[in-house]
C-alpha atoms as a PDB file:
ATOM      1  CA  UNK A   1     -41.390 -17.143 -13.542  1.00  0.00           C
ATOM      2  CA  UNK A   2     -38.299 -14.953 -13.691  1.00  0.00           C
ATOM      3  CA  UNK A   3     -36.689 -14.157 -16.992  1.00  0.00           C
ATOM      4  CA  UNK A   4     -33.434 -16.079 -17.562  1.00  0.00           C
ATOM      5  CA  UNK A   5     -30.548 -14.282 -19.227  1.00  0.00           C
ATOM      6  CA  UNK A   6     -27.548 -16.071 -20.729  1.00  0.00           C
ATOM      7  CA  UNK A   7     -24.388 -14.001 -20.279  1.00  0.00           C
ATOM      8  CA  UNK A   8     -20.735 -14.585 -21.154  1.00  0.00           C
ATOM      9  CA  UNK A   9     -17.858 -13.088 -19.181  1.00  0.00           C
ATOM     10  CA  UNK A  10     -14.210 -12.728 -20.177  1.00  0.00           C
ATOM     11  CA  UNK A  11     -11.494 -13.670 -17.739  1.00  0.00           C
ATOM     12  CA  UNK A  12      -8.726 -11.719 -19.448  1.00  0.00           C
ATOM     13  CA  UNK A  13      -5.227 -12.382 -18.172  1.00  0.00           C
ATOM     14  CA  UNK A  14      -2.151 -10.339 -19.107  1.00  0.00           C
ATOM     15  CA  UNK A  15       1.543 -11.290 -19.282  1.00  0.00           C
ATOM     16  CA  UNK A  16       2.016 -10.360 -15.606  1.00  0.00           C
ATOM     17  CA  UNK A  17      -0.631 -12.945 -14.592  1.00  0.00           C
ATOM     18  CA  UNK A  18      -3.059 -10.166 -13.688  1.00  0.00           C
ATOM     19  CA  UNK A  19      -6.780 -10.400 -14.407  1.00  0.00           C
ATOM     20  CA  UNK A  20      -8.912  -7.590 -15.822  1.00  0.00           C
ATOM     21  CA  UNK A  21     -11.696  -6.458 -13.450  1.00  0.00           C
ATOM     22  CA  UNK A  22     -14.452  -4.046 -14.516  1.00  0.00           C
ATOM     23  CA  UNK A  23     -16.468  -1.773 -12.210  1.00  0.00           C
ATOM     24  CA  UNK A  24     -20.144  -1.518 -13.194  1.00  0.00           C
ATOM     25  CA  UNK A  25     -21.230   2.094 -13.635  1.00  0.00           C
ATOM     26  CA  UNK A  26     -23.936   3.670 -11.438  1.00  0.00           C
ATOM     27  CA  UNK A  27     -26.327   3.552 -14.454  1.00  0.00           C
ATOM     28  CA  UNK A  28     -26.016  -0.219 -14.925  1.00  0.00           C
ATOM     29  CA  UNK A  29     -28.100  -2.904 -13.223  1.00  0.00           C
ATOM     30  CA  UNK A  30     -26.236  -4.128 -10.123  1.00  0.00           C
ATOM     31  CA  UNK A  31     -24.370  -0.790  -9.984  1.00  0.00           C
ATOM     32  CA  UNK A  32     -20.925  -0.101  -8.496  1.00  0.00           C
ATOM     33  CA  UNK A  33     -19.958  -3.762  -8.226  1.00  0.00           C
ATOM     34  CA  UNK A  34     -17.055  -5.476  -9.923  1.00  0.00           C
ATOM     35  CA  UNK A  35     -17.446  -8.053 -12.672  1.00  0.00           C
ATOM     36  CA  UNK A  36     -15.621  -9.744 -15.483  1.00  0.00           C
ATOM     37  CA  UNK A  37     -16.537  -7.844 -18.674  1.00  0.00           C
ATOM     38  CA  UNK A  38     -18.905  -9.419 -21.197  1.00  0.00           C
ATOM     39  CA  UNK A  39     -22.565  -9.419 -22.016  1.00  0.00           C
ATOM     40  CA  UNK A  40     -25.666 -11.178 -23.259  1.00  0.00           C
ATOM     41  CA  UNK A  41     -25.549 -14.000 -25.773  1.00  0.00           C
ATOM     42  CA  UNK A  42     -27.773 -13.108 -28.736  1.00  0.00           C
ATOM     43  CA  UNK A  43     -30.195 -15.581 -30.319  1.00  0.00           C
ATOM     44  CA  UNK A  44     -28.388 -18.024 -32.670  1.00  0.00           C
ATOM     45  CA  UNK A  45     -24.957 -16.925 -31.372  1.00  0.00           C
ATOM     46  CA  UNK A  46     -22.416 -19.278 -29.791  1.00  0.00           C
ATOM     47  CA  UNK A  47     -20.807 -18.241 -26.505  1.00  0.00           C
ATOM     48  CA  UNK A  48     -17.335 -17.644 -27.994  1.00  0.00           C
ATOM     49  CA  UNK A  49     -18.632 -15.405 -30.800  1.00  0.00           C
ATOM     50  CA  UNK A  50     -20.802 -13.540 -28.283  1.00  0.00           C
ATOM     51  CA  UNK A  51     -17.842 -12.956 -25.968  1.00  0.00           C
ATOM     52  CA  UNK A  52     -15.579 -11.683 -28.751  1.00  0.00           C
ATOM     53  CA  UNK A  53     -18.343  -9.331 -29.976  1.00  0.00           C
ATOM     54  CA  UNK A  54     -19.137  -8.021 -26.482  1.00  0.00           C
ATOM     55  CA  UNK A  55     -15.482  -7.316 -25.642  1.00  0.00           C
ATOM     56  CA  UNK A  56     -14.959  -5.499 -28.951  1.00  0.00           C
ATOM     57  CA  UNK A  57     -18.083  -3.379 -28.206  1.00  0.00           C
ATOM     58  CA  UNK A  58     -17.392  -2.773 -24.489  1.00  0.00           C
ATOM     59  CA  UNK A  59     -13.606  -2.543 -24.307  1.00  0.00           C
ATOM     60  CA  UNK A  60     -12.545  -1.670 -27.862  1.00  0.00           C
ATOM     61  CA  UNK A  61     -10.027  -4.501 -28.153  1.00  0.00           C
ATOM     62  CA  UNK A  62      -9.853  -7.941 -29.750  1.00  0.00           C
ATOM     63  CA  UNK A  63      -9.592 -11.126 -27.694  1.00  0.00           C
ATOM     64  CA  UNK A  64      -9.152 -14.797 -28.370  1.00  0.00           C
ATOM     65  CA  UNK A  65     -10.473 -17.479 -26.080  1.00  0.00           C
ATOM     66  CA  UNK A  66      -7.765 -19.802 -24.784  1.00  0.00           C
ATOM     67  CA  UNK A  67      -9.750 -22.372 -22.869  1.00  0.00           C
ATOM     68  CA  UNK A  68     -13.063 -24.146 -22.691  1.00  0.00           C
ATOM     69  CA  UNK A  69     -15.672 -22.808 -20.268  1.00  0.00           C
ATOM     70  CA  UNK A  70     -13.913 -21.914 -16.990  1.00  0.00           C
ATOM     71  CA  UNK A  71     -17.003 -21.459 -14.837  1.00  0.00           C
ATOM     72  CA  UNK A  72     -20.723 -21.911 -15.520  1.00  0.00           C
ATOM     73  CA  UNK A  73     -22.965 -20.550 -12.800  1.00  0.00           C
ATOM     74  CA  UNK A  74     -26.654 -19.668 -12.528  1.00  0.00           C
ATOM     75  CA  UNK A  75     -27.502 -16.973  -9.997  1.00  0.00           C
ATOM     76  CA  UNK A  76     -30.918 -15.717  -8.957  1.00  0.00           C
ATOM     77  CA  UNK A  77     -31.255 -11.953  -8.555  1.00  0.00           C
ATOM     78  CA  UNK A  78     -34.467 -10.282  -7.321  1.00  0.00           C
ATOM     79  CA  UNK A  79     -35.922  -9.767 -10.794  1.00  0.00           C
ATOM     80  CA  UNK A  80     -34.143 -12.268 -13.070  1.00  0.00           C
ATOM     81  CA  UNK A  81     -31.997 -15.391 -13.339  1.00  0.00           C
ATOM     82  CA  UNK A  82     -28.544 -15.107 -14.865  1.00  0.00           C
ATOM     83  CA  UNK A  83     -26.633 -17.995 -16.401  1.00  0.00           C
ATOM     84  CA  UNK A  84     -23.082 -16.608 -16.315  1.00  0.00           C
ATOM     85  CA  UNK A  85     -20.517 -18.470 -18.384  1.00  0.00           C
ATOM     86  CA  UNK A  86     -16.921 -17.368 -17.730  1.00  0.00           C
ATOM     87  CA  UNK A  87     -14.273 -18.075 -20.353  1.00  0.00           C
ATOM     88  CA  UNK A  88     -10.537 -17.455 -20.125  1.00  0.00           C
ATOM     89  CA  UNK A  89      -9.076 -15.355 -22.908  1.00  0.00           C
ATOM     90  CA  UNK A  90      -6.318 -12.934 -23.788  1.00  0.00           C
ATOM     91  CA  UNK A  91      -6.072  -9.648 -25.667  1.00  0.00           C
ATOM     92  CA  UNK A  92      -4.646 -10.082 -29.164  1.00  0.00           C
ATOM     93  CA  UNK A  93      -5.127  -6.542 -30.450  1.00  0.00           C
ATOM     94  CA  UNK A  94      -5.641  -3.156 -28.786  1.00  0.00           C
ATOM     95  CA  UNK A  95      -5.847  -2.147 -25.138  1.00  0.00           C
ATOM     96  CA  UNK A  96      -8.992  -2.620 -23.026  1.00  0.00           C
ATOM     97  CA  UNK A  97     -10.649   0.773 -22.497  1.00  0.00           C
ATOM     98  CA  UNK A  98     -13.683   1.423 -20.288  1.00  0.00           C
ATOM     99  CA  UNK A  99     -16.632   2.754 -22.291  1.00  0.00           C
ATOM    100  CA  UNK A 100     -19.613   1.328 -20.367  1.00  0.00           C
ATOM    101  CA  UNK A 101     -17.820   0.607 -17.082  1.00  0.00           C
ATOM    102  CA  UNK A 102     -16.694   3.209 -14.522  1.00  0.00           C
ATOM    103  CA  UNK A 103     -13.231   1.721 -14.217  1.00  0.00           C
ATOM    104  CA  UNK A 104     -10.960  -1.129 -15.313  1.00  0.00           C
ATOM    105  CA  UNK A 105      -8.115  -2.490 -13.204  1.00  0.00           C
ATOM    106  CA  UNK A 106      -5.660  -5.383 -13.445  1.00  0.00           C
ATOM    107  CA  UNK A 107      -5.315  -7.469 -10.286  1.00  0.00           C
ATOM    108  CA  UNK A 108      -3.329 -10.513  -9.212  1.00  0.00           C
ATOM    109  CA  UNK A 109      -5.446 -13.587  -8.368  1.00  0.00           C
ATOM    110  CA  UNK A 110      -4.680 -13.356  -4.650  1.00  0.00           C
ATOM    111  CA  UNK A 111      -6.044  -9.772  -4.551  1.00  0.00           C
ATOM    112  CA  UNK A 112      -9.339 -10.453  -6.342  1.00  0.00           C
ATOM    113  CA  UNK A 113     -11.226 -10.870  -3.064  1.00  0.00           C
ATOM    114  CA  UNK A 114     -10.407  -7.256  -2.114  1.00  0.00           C
ATOM    115  CA  UNK A 115     -13.178  -6.063  -4.479  1.00  0.00           C
ATOM    116  CA  UNK A 116     -16.961  -6.060  -4.000  1.00  0.00           C
ATOM    117  CA  UNK A 117     -18.035  -8.455  -6.760  1.00  0.00           C
ATOM    118  CA  UNK A 118     -21.462  -8.830  -8.375  1.00  0.00           C
ATOM    119  CA  UNK A 119     -22.937 -11.999  -6.800  1.00  0.00           C
ATOM    120  CA  UNK A 120     -23.072 -13.932 -10.087  1.00  0.00           C
ATOM    121  CA  UNK A 121     -19.302 -13.436 -10.598  1.00  0.00           C
ATOM    122  CA  UNK A 122     -18.266 -14.714  -7.147  1.00  0.00           C
ATOM    123  CA  UNK A 123     -18.004 -18.450  -8.025  1.00  0.00           C
ATOM    124  CA  UNK A 124     -15.562 -17.663 -10.877  1.00  0.00           C
ATOM    125  CA  UNK A 125     -13.587 -15.313  -8.585  1.00  0.00           C
ATOM    126  CA  UNK A 126     -13.293 -18.031  -5.940  1.00  0.00           C
ATOM    127  CA  UNK A 127     -12.239 -20.581  -8.556  1.00  0.00           C
ATOM    128  CA  UNK A 128      -9.532 -18.211  -9.861  1.00  0.00           C
ATOM    129  CA  UNK A 129      -8.180 -17.546  -6.358  1.00  0.00           C
ATOM    130  CA  UNK A 130      -7.898 -21.293  -5.674  1.00  0.00           C
ATOM    131  CA  UNK A 131      -6.169 -21.898  -9.007  1.00  0.00           C
ATOM    132  CA  UNK A 132      -2.406 -21.434  -8.884  1.00  0.00           C
END
């Protein structure tokens, strides 16, 4: 049986209604694909705490979640299962800076499908594009 990983992802929107997209580095699993930043939920950690911790570690800024779970999707990769929980949030302190990712960009909803997304992120991307 494949290992299942529980992961939280931040859908960070700015004042211009743009969404933060992060390019996975060549060293990461599923390299050179776009994703919403985030990471694994630790044992005994709730998804909101995990997301705030991961964003502070990965992007060097502070966020607050502004909505319940936006998208909850389980995707099967070759070697593992990922339960990806996407949560809308906004930056409350600092500026997102890429430390683990190759690149960060802000994109309007209607342009999200111009990127090559990691398969697990696609359902949330599609949901965002449909949302107006």
